Each structure stands twice: as C-alpha cells, then as structure tokens.
Amino acid sequence: MRKILIACILLTTACGTDVSRATSVPINIKPYLTMTPSPTPLQPDGLVVSVITPLPSPTPFGYTVKSGDTMGQIAQAFNVSISALMAANPGVDPNSISIGQTLKVPSQQIPADAATPTAVPFPVKQIACYPTSDRGMWCFVLVSNNSSSPIEDVTAQITLLDASGKSVAGHTATLLLDILAPNSSMPLITYFAPDIPLDVKPQVQILTAIQIQADDARYLPVLLRNTSVKVDPTGLTAQVNGQVVLNAASTKPAKLVWVVASAYDGSGRVIGARRWESTASLSAGGSLPFSFMVSSIAGTIVRVEFAVEARP
C-alpha cells in the first residue's frame, strides 16, 4: 500500500549530516492552485466513518520458520507472492532466514496455531480534502493512537461520494511512517487523480491497525530534541529543524531514520505533511540533525507536529 502513496510523491534532497543520503519526501502539491480562489476543505461534520464492516484485506499472522523452509516455500504454502511476503518483512534477507525466526505473513489462509496480531480500533479525528487545479484531490485523515503501545500498518479506505451517494472514487490512505506511536496523532494521506467533482463527500473506512510490542526489534528507540519551527511570513511554508537521538541502550545502530512534519491551520485541520529520510548510520547515544521545509496546501500554517521512526 505504501507504494501507492510513494508513486504520488517526489523525492528531493534535504539538509542533514550526510546530504548525499538524506532526503525529504514532500507531498507534490502546488498550494492554492485550485478550482476556487480559496480552497475549502471538506469539513469533519460531513465525515461518515464506517468501522463495523471493514473491507476485506489479508490478515497478517506470525509464522515460525521451520527446518528446511525457504521464503518461496512459505509464500507458496499460504498462497501469497514472494514480493508480498518480503514487503511484510522489511529488513529480512530472504536467503538467510533461520529456524525459529518469526515472519509476518499477509494471507487469508491462517493456520490454527498461528500467532495472529490483534486488530485494534483507532479514533478518526477529522478528514480534510483539498481540490487541485487539475480537478484532482488530496485527502488527509487524522487518526490517533490513544493506547500505550505502537500501532503498525495503519490504513483506511477513503471513498468519495457524489450528491446522490454514489461512489466516485476510492483509495487506500496510509501513514508516512510504518507505525503510529503511543499517545500520538498523524494523518493518513492519499491522492485522487482527476476528474473529481468539487461537491463530493468523503467516507472513511478503517482497514488495518495492528498493535505491536513497544520493544519490537524491527524498530529502535529514538526521540527528537531541539525541534524548532519557523513559519514563512506568507504562512505557506515552515522551516523545521531538530535532532534525532538514538537511545544509548540500543543494541543496534539505526540505518534508516524517518522524520515526519505535519502542518496544521488555526482550526486544527491538517494542511500539509512531509517526510525526511536518512540512511546515515546512527550509533547508540548518537544524534542526527535534520532540516527541511513543509508546505501548506490550503491555509496558513499555525503549528507543526513531529513524528520519528528508526530501523536497524
């Protein structure tokens, strides 16, 4: 699902310790070039949230590697492609899986003794959709994790309905990170290609949300320090800076670091988001500076919220 989003965004170089390996991922939108002089988002009071009957989707479960297993055999056994299996297990070398290792398998065919992750609900706080000059549309769904554990694979289906209630288009919205940290909020994002009518109403349907352990080895303990936000006088862009710090107790260095900045207007609506990436190695106890810009799609930036993720 992440590939759908990445196909709609543009990678650009940003400031960092190693600029050759640090990039930011902006939403590739031209602010204020809309069908109306001042773009009006679809308000939360028009939101229809469906969480009772989620759309069918593969249910991930844990599979423990046994003697003689290969990635190909596991994929074949559960009727999934090798690429889907590898995508569900980033960082796992398909040529060197070991006995006793647990893999995440995205499949409808779940063995009785499988360790199935617990699907958890998460609050949908708002949805804001903004038309573009070519009659496309960007939609942000602000979700919250009010639990004490991270939530992985957070996705939702956004369906645009016309005045008669007929579906015009539907897309899966995803986070710019792989996890939603405890007690935090972040927008799910998706883009609808032209031709989208201006009077559509969005309907949100939660698809997936898997609660994981706080000490999951696929993610490293990181935090942000010395963050700063400087909004341009026009209010359309904000320069953000800070440092990513890897916990001194971490047993592994971070080889992938992501920082997300989400911009909000005075009414608390999400009006922009951008992800900064670095593949510079970050050792335990070390820090990595970041600096990039986030832009508004519609309205004046009043505040910016940060989120961070690191992988070994």
C-alpha atoms as a PDB file:
ATOM      1  CA  MET A   1       0.000   0.000   0.000  1.00  0.00           C
ATOM      2  CA  ARG A   2       2.893   2.319   0.709  1.00  0.00           C
ATOM      3  CA  LYS A   3       3.894   2.014  -2.977  1.00  0.00           C
ATOM      4  CA  ILE A   4       0.613   3.648  -3.946  1.00  0.00           C
ATOM      5  CA  LEU A   5       1.460   6.682  -1.864  1.00  0.00           C
ATOM      6  CA  ILE A   6       5.108   6.872  -2.859  1.00  0.00           C
ATOM      7  CA  ALA A   7       4.086   6.910  -6.520  1.00  0.00           C
ATOM      8  CA  CYS A   8       2.358  10.224  -5.802  1.00  0.00           C
ATOM      9  CA  ILE A   9       5.225  11.965  -4.016  1.00  0.00           C
ATOM     10  CA  LEU A  10       8.523  13.453  -5.106  1.00  0.00           C
ATOM     11  CA  LEU A  11      11.902  12.718  -3.502  1.00  0.00           C
ATOM     12  CA  THR A  12      14.163  15.734  -3.004  1.00  0.00           C
ATOM     13  CA  THR A  13      17.468  16.286  -1.222  1.00  0.00           C
ATOM     14  CA  ALA A  14      17.370  17.899   2.229  1.00  0.00           C
ATOM     15  CA  CYS A  15      19.873  19.040   4.807  1.00  0.00           C
ATOM     16  CA  GLY A  16      21.420  16.505   7.136  1.00  0.00           C
ATOM     17  CA  THR A  17      24.689  15.094   8.378  1.00  0.00           C
ATOM     18  CA  ASP A  18      25.187  13.343   5.056  1.00  0.00           C
ATOM     19  CA  VAL A  19      23.251  15.220   2.368  1.00  0.00           C
ATOM     20  CA  SER A  20      24.004  12.515  -0.171  1.00  0.00           C
ATOM     21  CA  ARG A  21      21.940  10.096   1.882  1.00  0.00           C
ATOM     22  CA  ALA A  22      19.320  12.338   3.465  1.00  0.00           C
ATOM     23  CA  THR A  23      16.119  13.151   1.629  1.00  0.00           C
ATOM     24  CA  SER A  24      12.742  14.613   2.376  1.00  0.00           C
ATOM     25  CA  VAL A  25       9.532  13.280   0.891  1.00  0.00           C
ATOM     26  CA  PRO A  26       7.067  16.092   0.219  1.00  0.00           C
ATOM     27  CA  ILE A  27       3.516  15.812  -0.979  1.00  0.00           C
ATOM     28  CA  ASN A  28       3.886  17.082  -4.520  1.00  0.00           C
ATOM     29  CA  ILE A  29       1.138  19.707  -4.449  1.00  0.00           C
ATOM     30  CA  LYS A  30       1.011  23.252  -5.756  1.00  0.00           C
ATOM     31  CA  PRO A  31      -0.549  25.310  -2.939  1.00  0.00           C
ATOM     32  CA  TYR A  32      -3.579  27.440  -3.758  1.00  0.00           C
ATOM     33  CA  LEU A  33      -3.810  26.370  -7.411  1.00  0.00           C
ATOM     34  CA  THR A  34      -7.395  25.189  -7.073  1.00  0.00           C
ATOM     35  CA  MET A  35     -10.691  25.492  -8.863  1.00  0.00           C
ATOM     36  CA  THR A  36     -11.756  28.270  -6.454  1.00  0.00           C
ATOM     37  CA  PRO A  37      -9.856  31.371  -5.289  1.00  0.00           C
ATOM     38  CA  SER A  38      -9.655  29.988  -1.742  1.00  0.00           C
ATOM     39  CA  PRO A  39      -9.746  26.189  -1.415  1.00  0.00           C
ATOM     40  CA  THR A  40     -12.339  24.934   1.031  1.00  0.00           C
ATOM     41  CA  PRO A  41     -11.657  21.565   2.659  1.00  0.00           C
ATOM     42  CA  LEU A  42     -14.430  19.066   3.197  1.00  0.00           C
ATOM     43  CA  GLN A  43     -15.304  19.623   6.836  1.00  0.00           C
ATOM     44  CA  PRO A  44     -15.275  16.962   9.564  1.00  0.00           C
ATOM     45  CA  ASP A  45     -19.037  17.427  10.054  1.00  0.00           C
ATOM     46  CA  GLY A  46     -19.527  15.778   6.645  1.00  0.00           C
ATOM     47  CA  LEU A  47     -17.492  12.778   7.752  1.00  0.00           C
ATOM     48  CA  VAL A  48     -19.002   9.305   7.618  1.00  0.00           C
ATOM     49  CA  VAL A  49     -16.881   6.754   9.452  1.00  0.00           C
ATOM     50  CA  SER A  50     -17.501   3.051   8.959  1.00  0.00           C
ATOM     51  CA  VAL A  51     -15.616   0.724  11.286  1.00  0.00           C
ATOM     52  CA  ILE A  52     -18.095  -2.112  11.747  1.00  0.00           C
ATOM     53  CA  THR A  53     -17.640  -3.869   8.411  1.00  0.00           C
ATOM     54  CA  PRO A  54     -14.095  -3.251   7.204  1.00  0.00           C
ATOM     55  CA  LEU A  55     -13.201  -4.069   3.637  1.00  0.00           C
ATOM     56  CA  PRO A  56     -11.661  -7.498   3.002  1.00  0.00           C
ATOM     57  CA  SER A  57      -7.898  -7.447   3.320  1.00  0.00           C
ATOM     58  CA  PRO A  58      -5.153 -10.020   4.009  1.00  0.00           C
ATOM     59  CA  THR A  59      -4.754 -10.687   7.726  1.00  0.00           C
ATOM     60  CA  PRO A  60      -1.110 -10.753   8.816  1.00  0.00           C
ATOM     61  CA  PHE A  61      -0.090 -13.521  11.189  1.00  0.00           C
ATOM     62  CA  GLY A  62       3.149 -14.755  12.648  1.00  0.00           C
ATOM     63  CA  TYR A  63       4.801 -17.823  11.142  1.00  0.00           C
ATOM     64  CA  THR A  64       7.779 -19.510  12.826  1.00  0.00           C
ATOM     65  CA  VAL A  65      10.402 -20.722  10.358  1.00  0.00           C
ATOM     66  CA  LYS A  66      10.980 -24.497  10.499  1.00  0.00           C
ATOM     67  CA  SER A  67      13.834 -26.658   9.293  1.00  0.00           C
ATOM     68  CA  GLY A  68      14.014 -26.742   5.502  1.00  0.00           C
ATOM     69  CA  ASP A  69      11.767 -23.702   4.999  1.00  0.00           C
ATOM     70  CA  THR A  70      12.544 -21.145   2.300  1.00  0.00           C
ATOM     71  CA  MET A  71      10.800 -17.852   1.556  1.00  0.00           C
ATOM     72  CA  GLY A  72       9.467 -19.354  -1.671  1.00  0.00           C
ATOM     73  CA  GLN A  73       8.000 -22.388   0.093  1.00  0.00           C
ATOM     74  CA  ILE A  74       6.377 -20.254   2.783  1.00  0.00           C
ATOM     75  CA  ALA A  75       4.870 -17.920   0.170  1.00  0.00           C
ATOM     76  CA  GLN A  76       3.533 -20.890  -1.814  1.00  0.00           C
ATOM     77  CA  ALA A  77       2.110 -22.577   1.301  1.00  0.00           C
ATOM     78  CA  PHE A  78      -0.013 -19.556   2.146  1.00  0.00           C
ATOM     79  CA  ASN A  79      -0.819 -18.510  -1.425  1.00  0.00           C
ATOM     80  CA  VAL A  80       0.996 -15.172  -1.359  1.00  0.00           C
ATOM     81  CA  SER A  81       3.644 -13.792  -3.675  1.00  0.00           C
ATOM     82  CA  ILE A  82       7.273 -13.698  -2.587  1.00  0.00           C
ATOM     83  CA  SER A  83       7.275  -9.926  -3.128  1.00  0.00           C
ATOM     84  CA  ALA A  84       4.282  -9.545  -0.770  1.00  0.00           C
ATOM     85  CA  LEU A  85       5.991 -11.728   1.828  1.00  0.00           C
ATOM     86  CA  MET A  86       9.213  -9.720   1.565  1.00  0.00           C
ATOM     87  CA  ALA A  87       7.286  -6.435   1.757  1.00  0.00           C
ATOM     88  CA  ALA A  88       5.691  -7.630   5.005  1.00  0.00           C
ATOM     89  CA  ASN A  89       9.146  -8.382   6.418  1.00  0.00           C
ATOM     90  CA  PRO A  90      11.407  -5.436   5.553  1.00  0.00           C
ATOM     91  CA  GLY A  91      14.994  -5.950   6.582  1.00  0.00           C
ATOM     92  CA  VAL A  92      14.784  -9.753   6.359  1.00  0.00           C
ATOM     93  CA  ASP A  93      17.268 -11.339   3.960  1.00  0.00           C
ATOM     94  CA  PRO A  94      15.245 -13.964   2.020  1.00  0.00           C
ATOM     95  CA  ASN A  95      18.407 -16.015   1.510  1.00  0.00           C
ATOM     96  CA  SER A  96      19.316 -16.302   5.170  1.00  0.00           C
ATOM     97  CA  ILE A  97      16.177 -16.935   7.219  1.00  0.00           C
ATOM     98  CA  SER A  98      16.846 -19.034  10.304  1.00  0.00           C
ATOM     99  CA  ILE A  99      14.976 -21.738  12.189  1.00  0.00           C
ATOM    100  CA  GLY A 100      12.820 -20.216  14.923  1.00  0.00           C
ATOM    101  CA  GLN A 101      12.629 -16.825  13.210  1.00  0.00           C
ATOM    102  CA  THR A 102       9.143 -15.302  13.097  1.00  0.00           C
ATOM    103  CA  LEU A 103       7.903 -13.893   9.798  1.00  0.00           C
ATOM    104  CA  LYS A 104       4.794 -11.825   9.173  1.00  0.00           C
ATOM    105  CA  VAL A 105       2.625 -13.491   6.508  1.00  0.00           C
ATOM    106  CA  PRO A 106      -0.116 -11.392   4.810  1.00  0.00           C
ATOM    107  CA  SER A 107      -2.636 -14.094   3.979  1.00  0.00           C
ATOM    108  CA  GLN A 108      -6.294 -15.090   4.286  1.00  0.00           C
ATOM    109  CA  GLN A 109      -5.165 -18.688   4.873  1.00  0.00           C
ATOM    110  CA  ILE A 110      -4.320 -18.651   8.582  1.00  0.00           C
ATOM    111  CA  PRO A 111      -3.211 -21.839  10.359  1.00  0.00           C
ATOM    112  CA  ALA A 112      -4.984 -22.688  13.599  1.00  0.00           C
ATOM    113  CA  ASP A 113      -1.813 -22.358  15.678  1.00  0.00           C
ATOM    114  CA  ALA A 114      -0.678 -19.076  14.104  1.00  0.00           C
ATOM    115  CA  ALA A 115       0.043 -16.035  16.225  1.00  0.00           C
ATOM    116  CA  THR A 116      -2.434 -13.547  14.765  1.00  0.00           C
ATOM    117  CA  PRO A 117      -1.769  -9.884  15.634  1.00  0.00           C
ATOM    118  CA  THR A 118      -4.587  -8.153  17.450  1.00  0.00           C
ATOM    119  CA  ALA A 119      -6.538  -5.739  15.269  1.00  0.00           C
ATOM    120  CA  VAL A 120      -7.178  -2.583  17.270  1.00  0.00           C
ATOM    121  CA  PRO A 121      -9.548   0.343  16.718  1.00  0.00           C
ATOM    122  CA  PHE A 122      -8.193   3.869  16.487  1.00  0.00           C
ATOM    123  CA  PRO A 123     -10.054   7.170  16.622  1.00  0.00           C
ATOM    124  CA  VAL A 124     -10.560   9.131  13.404  1.00  0.00           C
ATOM    125  CA  LYS A 125     -10.421  12.779  14.457  1.00  0.00           C
ATOM    126  CA  GLN A 126     -11.016  14.531  11.129  1.00  0.00           C
ATOM    127  CA  ILE A 127     -10.846  14.354   7.365  1.00  0.00           C
ATOM    128  CA  ALA A 128      -9.855  17.258   5.122  1.00  0.00           C
ATOM    129  CA  CYS A 129      -9.877  17.042   1.332  1.00  0.00           C
ATOM    130  CA  TYR A 130      -8.454  19.713  -0.958  1.00  0.00           C
ATOM    131  CA  PRO A 131      -9.093  20.038  -4.728  1.00  0.00           C
ATOM    132  CA  THR A 132      -6.207  20.778  -7.064  1.00  0.00           C
ATOM    133  CA  SER A 133      -6.126  22.946 -10.186  1.00  0.00           C
ATOM    134  CA  ASP A 134      -6.440  19.927 -12.494  1.00  0.00           C
ATOM    135  CA  ARG A 135      -9.511  18.632 -10.565  1.00  0.00           C
ATOM    136  CA  GLY A 136      -7.585  16.078  -8.571  1.00  0.00           C
ATOM    137  CA  MET A 137      -7.899  15.921  -4.787  1.00  0.00           C
ATOM    138  CA  TRP A 138      -5.660  15.334  -1.766  1.00  0.00           C
ATOM    139  CA  CYS A 139      -7.238  13.894   1.383  1.00  0.00           C
ATOM    140  CA  PHE A 140      -5.864  13.791   4.941  1.00  0.00           C
ATOM    141  CA  VAL A 141      -7.410  11.592   7.637  1.00  0.00           C
ATOM    142  CA  LEU A 142      -6.155  12.493  11.101  1.00  0.00           C
ATOM    143  CA  VAL A 143      -6.004   9.411  13.345  1.00  0.00           C
ATOM    144  CA  SER A 144      -4.887   8.951  16.946  1.00  0.00           C
ATOM    145  CA  ASN A 145      -3.291   6.160  18.931  1.00  0.00           C
ATOM    146  CA  ASN A 146      -4.543   6.555  22.482  1.00  0.00           C
ATOM    147  CA  SER A 147      -3.005   3.300  23.678  1.00  0.00           C
ATOM    148  CA  SER A 148       0.340   2.704  25.385  1.00  0.00           C
ATOM    149  CA  SER A 149       1.639   0.503  22.537  1.00  0.00           C
ATOM    150  CA  PRO A 150       2.653   1.356  18.949  1.00  0.00           C
ATOM    151  CA  ILE A 151       0.226   0.540  16.133  1.00  0.00           C
ATOM    152  CA  GLU A 152       1.580  -0.817  12.858  1.00  0.00           C
ATOM    153  CA  ASP A 153       0.124  -0.991   9.340  1.00  0.00           C
ATOM    154  CA  VAL A 154      -2.455   1.747   9.928  1.00  0.00           C
ATOM    155  CA  THR A 155      -4.595   2.163   6.818  1.00  0.00           C
ATOM    156  CA  ALA A 156      -8.062   3.368   5.878  1.00  0.00           C
ATOM    157  CA  GLN A 157     -10.208   3.373   2.761  1.00  0.00           C
ATOM    158  CA  ILE A 158     -11.425   6.792   1.615  1.00  0.00           C
ATOM    159  CA  THR A 159     -14.421   6.733  -0.695  1.00  0.00           C
ATOM    160  CA  LEU A 160     -15.638   9.931  -2.374  1.00  0.00           C
ATOM    161  CA  LEU A 161     -19.428  10.075  -2.765  1.00  0.00           C
ATOM    162  CA  ASP A 162     -21.387  12.366  -5.073  1.00  0.00           C
ATOM    163  CA  ALA A 163     -24.616  14.163  -4.139  1.00  0.00           C
ATOM    164  CA  SER A 164     -26.665  11.025  -4.796  1.00  0.00           C
ATOM    165  CA  GLY A 165     -24.430   8.896  -2.580  1.00  0.00           C
ATOM    166  CA  LYS A 166     -22.805   7.113  -5.489  1.00  0.00           C
ATOM    167  CA  SER A 167     -19.116   6.266  -5.210  1.00  0.00           C
ATOM    168  CA  VAL A 168     -16.944   8.443  -7.452  1.00  0.00           C
ATOM    169  CA  ALA A 169     -13.546   7.088  -6.449  1.00  0.00           C
ATOM    170  CA  GLY A 170     -11.864   5.162  -3.657  1.00  0.00           C
ATOM    171  CA  HIS A 171      -8.275   4.912  -2.443  1.00  0.00           C
ATOM    172  CA  THR A 172      -6.339   3.480   0.472  1.00  0.00           C
ATOM    173  CA  ALA A 173      -4.811   6.150   2.720  1.00  0.00           C
ATOM    174  CA  THR A 174      -1.566   5.394   4.562  1.00  0.00           C
ATOM    175  CA  LEU A 175       0.815   6.982   7.048  1.00  0.00           C
ATOM    176  CA  LEU A 176       4.185   8.429   6.067  1.00  0.00           C
ATOM    177  CA  LEU A 177       5.652   6.154   8.769  1.00  0.00           C
ATOM    178  CA  ASP A 178       5.237   2.420   9.340  1.00  0.00           C
ATOM    179  CA  ILE A 179       3.990   2.886  12.905  1.00  0.00           C
ATOM    180  CA  LEU A 180       1.806   5.266  14.879  1.00  0.00           C
ATOM    181  CA  ALA A 181       3.500   5.883  18.220  1.00  0.00           C
ATOM    182  CA  PRO A 182       1.621   5.631  21.536  1.00  0.00           C
ATOM    183  CA  ASN A 183      -0.413   8.692  22.547  1.00  0.00           C
ATOM    184  CA  SER A 184       0.148  10.469  19.240  1.00  0.00           C
ATOM    185  CA  SER A 185      -1.722  11.613  16.142  1.00  0.00           C
ATOM    186  CA  MET A 186      -0.715  11.625  12.484  1.00  0.00           C
ATOM    187  CA  PRO A 187      -2.542  11.992   9.161  1.00  0.00           C
ATOM    188  CA  LEU A 188      -3.210   9.190   6.718  1.00  0.00           C
ATOM    189  CA  ILE A 189      -2.759  10.541   3.184  1.00  0.00           C
ATOM    190  CA  THR A 190      -3.948   9.709  -0.306  1.00  0.00           C
ATOM    191  CA  TYR A 191      -4.355  11.451  -3.670  1.00  0.00           C
ATOM    192  CA  PHE A 192      -7.242  11.152  -6.124  1.00  0.00           C
ATOM    193  CA  ALA A 193      -6.339  11.732  -9.769  1.00  0.00           C
ATOM    194  CA  PRO A 194      -8.615  13.902 -11.959  1.00  0.00           C
ATOM    195  CA  ASP A 195     -11.505  14.198 -12.658  1.00  0.00           C
ATOM    196  CA  ILE A 196     -13.032  14.659  -9.176  1.00  0.00           C
ATOM    197  CA  PRO A 197     -16.236  16.733  -8.747  1.00  0.00           C
ATOM    198  CA  LEU A 198     -15.999  19.579  -6.231  1.00  0.00           C
ATOM    199  CA  ASP A 199     -19.157  18.575  -4.332  1.00  0.00           C
ATOM    200  CA  VAL A 200     -18.043  15.096  -3.262  1.00  0.00           C
ATOM    201  CA  LYS A 201     -18.207  13.939   0.357  1.00  0.00           C
ATOM    202  CA  PRO A 202     -15.624  11.557   1.853  1.00  0.00           C
ATOM    203  CA  GLN A 203     -16.411   8.348   3.669  1.00  0.00           C
ATOM    204  CA  VAL A 204     -13.706   6.731   5.789  1.00  0.00           C
ATOM    205  CA  GLN A 205     -13.496   3.020   6.474  1.00  0.00           C
ATOM    206  CA  ILE A 206     -10.764   1.621   8.705  1.00  0.00           C
ATOM    207  CA  LEU A 207      -8.894  -1.262   7.080  1.00  0.00           C
ATOM    208  CA  THR A 208      -5.960  -2.323   9.261  1.00  0.00           C
ATOM    209  CA  ALA A 209      -4.314  -1.439  12.555  1.00  0.00           C
ATOM    210  CA  ILE A 210      -2.084  -3.941  14.337  1.00  0.00           C
ATOM    211  CA  GLN A 211      -0.895  -3.397  17.895  1.00  0.00           C
ATOM    212  CA  ILE A 212       2.738  -4.408  18.428  1.00  0.00           C
ATOM    213  CA  GLN A 213       5.055  -4.638  21.418  1.00  0.00           C
ATOM    214  CA  ALA A 214       6.845  -1.473  22.450  1.00  0.00           C
ATOM    215  CA  ASP A 215      10.165  -3.342  22.265  1.00  0.00           C
ATOM    216  CA  ASP A 216       9.602  -4.790  18.773  1.00  0.00           C
ATOM    217  CA  ALA A 217      13.113  -5.443  17.415  1.00  0.00           C
ATOM    218  CA  ARG A 218      12.213  -4.036  13.977  1.00  0.00           C
ATOM    219  CA  TYR A 219      12.038  -0.523  15.422  1.00  0.00           C
ATOM    220  CA  LEU A 220      14.643   1.272  17.517  1.00  0.00           C
ATOM    221  CA  PRO A 221      14.072   3.628  20.488  1.00  0.00           C
ATOM    222  CA  VAL A 222      14.557   7.165  19.188  1.00  0.00           C
ATOM    223  CA  LEU A 223      13.371  10.604  20.215  1.00  0.00           C
ATOM    224  CA  LEU A 224      13.506  14.161  18.906  1.00  0.00           C
ATOM    225  CA  ARG A 225      15.338  17.015  20.597  1.00  0.00           C
ATOM    226  CA  ASN A 226      15.749  20.733  19.995  1.00  0.00           C
ATOM    227  CA  THR A 227      12.961  20.876  17.417  1.00  0.00           C
ATOM    228  CA  SER A 228      12.143  24.308  16.015  1.00  0.00           C
ATOM    229  CA  VAL A 229       9.590  25.644  13.540  1.00  0.00           C
ATOM    230  CA  LYS A 230       9.922  28.903  11.617  1.00  0.00           C
ATOM    231  CA  VAL A 231       6.847  29.779   9.558  1.00  0.00           C
ATOM    232  CA  ASP A 232       7.384  31.972   6.491  1.00  0.00           C
ATOM    233  CA  PRO A 233       5.664  35.409   6.620  1.00  0.00           C
ATOM    234  CA  THR A 234       3.197  34.189   3.982  1.00  0.00           C
ATOM    235  CA  GLY A 235       2.232  31.273   6.221  1.00  0.00           C
ATOM    236  CA  LEU A 236       2.547  28.873   3.298  1.00  0.00           C
ATOM    237  CA  THR A 237       5.798  27.164   4.304  1.00  0.00           C
ATOM    238  CA  ALA A 238       7.628  26.331   7.510  1.00  0.00           C
ATOM    239  CA  GLN A 239      11.294  25.521   8.046  1.00  0.00           C
ATOM    240  CA  VAL A 240      11.683  22.714  10.596  1.00  0.00           C
ATOM    241  CA  ASN A 241      14.864  21.652  12.353  1.00  0.00           C
ATOM    242  CA  GLY A 242      15.938  19.355  15.152  1.00  0.00           C
ATOM    243  CA  GLN A 243      17.900  16.296  16.149  1.00  0.00           C
ATOM    244  CA  VAL A 244      17.108  12.586  16.142  1.00  0.00           C
ATOM    245  CA  VAL A 245      18.683  10.839  19.150  1.00  0.00           C
ATOM    246  CA  LEU A 246      19.081   7.056  19.376  1.00  0.00           C
ATOM    247  CA  ASN A 247      18.719   5.673  22.889  1.00  0.00           C
ATOM    248  CA  ALA A 248      22.105   4.857  24.443  1.00  0.00           C
ATOM    249  CA  ALA A 249      20.754   1.429  25.458  1.00  0.00           C
ATOM    250  CA  SER A 250      20.047   0.435  21.861  1.00  0.00           C
ATOM    251  CA  THR A 251      21.882  -2.759  20.914  1.00  0.00           C
ATOM    252  CA  LYS A 252      21.874  -1.887  17.205  1.00  0.00           C
ATOM    253  CA  PRO A 253      22.698   1.224  15.171  1.00  0.00           C
ATOM    254  CA  ALA A 254      19.940   2.857  13.149  1.00  0.00           C
ATOM    255  CA  LYS A 255      20.422   2.511   9.399  1.00  0.00           C
ATOM    256  CA  LEU A 256      17.141   4.134   8.391  1.00  0.00           C
ATOM    257  CA  VAL A 257      15.664   7.221  10.050  1.00  0.00           C
ATOM    258  CA  TRP A 258      12.412   8.943   9.103  1.00  0.00           C
ATOM    259  CA  VAL A 259      11.061  12.230  10.476  1.00  0.00           C
ATOM    260  CA  VAL A 260       7.556  13.444   9.566  1.00  0.00           C
ATOM    261  CA  ALA A 261       6.326  17.013   9.963  1.00  0.00           C
ATOM    262  CA  SER A 262       2.545  17.563   9.794  1.00  0.00           C
ATOM    263  CA  ALA A 263       1.267  21.133   9.357  1.00  0.00           C
ATOM    264  CA  TYR A 264      -1.996  22.432  10.826  1.00  0.00           C
ATOM    265  CA  ASP A 265      -4.016  25.613  10.352  1.00  0.00           C
ATOM    266  CA  GLY A 266      -5.690  27.708  13.050  1.00  0.00           C
ATOM    267  CA  SER A 267      -8.749  25.446  13.085  1.00  0.00           C
ATOM    268  CA  GLY A 268      -6.636  22.359  13.713  1.00  0.00           C
ATOM    269  CA  ARG A 269      -7.036  20.965  10.198  1.00  0.00           C
ATOM    270  CA  VAL A 270      -4.148  19.139   8.568  1.00  0.00           C
ATOM    271  CA  ILE A 271      -2.971  21.218   5.602  1.00  0.00           C
ATOM    272  CA  GLY A 272       0.351  19.589   4.705  1.00  0.00           C
ATOM    273  CA  ALA A 273       2.853  16.868   5.541  1.00  0.00           C
ATOM    274  CA  ARG A 274       6.384  15.914   4.578  1.00  0.00           C
ATOM    275  CA  ARG A 275       8.827  13.120   5.391  1.00  0.00           C
ATOM    276  CA  TRP A 276      12.593  13.469   5.768  1.00  0.00           C
ATOM    277  CA  GLU A 277      14.745  10.376   5.331  1.00  0.00           C
ATOM    278  CA  SER A 278      18.326   9.472   6.174  1.00  0.00           C
ATOM    279  CA  THR A 279      20.320   6.272   5.665  1.00  0.00           C
ATOM    280  CA  ALA A 280      23.351   7.604   7.525  1.00  0.00           C
ATOM    281  CA  SER A 281      24.292   5.192  10.326  1.00  0.00           C
ATOM    282  CA  LEU A 282      23.248   6.447  13.769  1.00  0.00           C
ATOM    283  CA  SER A 283      25.022   4.799  16.714  1.00  0.00           C
ATOM    284  CA  ALA A 284      23.527   4.247  20.170  1.00  0.00           C
ATOM    285  CA  GLY A 285      23.605   7.506  22.105  1.00  0.00           C
ATOM    286  CA  GLY A 286      24.349   9.479  18.945  1.00  0.00           C
ATOM    287  CA  SER A 287      22.341  12.249  17.311  1.00  0.00           C
ATOM    288  CA  LEU A 288      21.477  13.124  13.733  1.00  0.00           C
ATOM    289  CA  PRO A 289      20.420  16.666  12.726  1.00  0.00           C
ATOM    290  CA  PHE A 290      17.562  17.237  10.301  1.00  0.00           C
ATOM    291  CA  SER A 291      16.384  20.329   8.434  1.00  0.00           C
ATOM    292  CA  PHE A 292      13.643  20.560   5.801  1.00  0.00           C
ATOM    293  CA  MET A 293      10.557  22.524   4.781  1.00  0.00           C
ATOM    294  CA  VAL A 294       6.879  21.607   4.923  1.00  0.00           C
ATOM    295  CA  SER A 295       4.335  23.431   2.757  1.00  0.00           C
ATOM    296  CA  SER A 296       0.645  24.225   3.137  1.00  0.00           C
ATOM    297  CA  ILE A 297      -1.907  23.020   0.615  1.00  0.00           C
ATOM    298  CA  ALA A 298      -4.637  25.389   1.745  1.00  0.00           C
ATOM    299  CA  GLY A 299      -4.390  27.957   4.513  1.00  0.00           C
ATOM    300  CA  THR A 300      -1.881  29.427   6.939  1.00  0.00           C
ATOM    301  CA  ILE A 301       0.409  27.158   8.922  1.00  0.00           C
ATOM    302  CA  VAL A 302      -0.095  27.784  12.645  1.00  0.00           C
ATOM    303  CA  ARG A 303       1.654  24.757  14.147  1.00  0.00           C
ATOM    304  CA  VAL A 304       3.700  21.720  13.126  1.00  0.00           C
ATOM    305  CA  GLU A 305       3.775  18.320  14.832  1.00  0.00           C
ATOM    306  CA  PHE A 306       6.636  15.822  14.521  1.00  0.00           C
ATOM    307  CA  ALA A 307       6.910  12.040  14.436  1.00  0.00           C
ATOM    308  CA  VAL A 308      10.027   9.868  14.142  1.00  0.00           C
ATOM    309  CA  GLU A 309      10.906   6.272  13.324  1.00  0.00           C
ATOM    310  CA  ALA A 310      14.178   4.372  13.124  1.00  0.00           C
ATOM    311  CA  ARG A 311      15.050   0.893  11.882  1.00  0.00           C
ATOM    312  CA  PRO A 312      18.212  -1.187  12.252  1.00  0.00           C
END
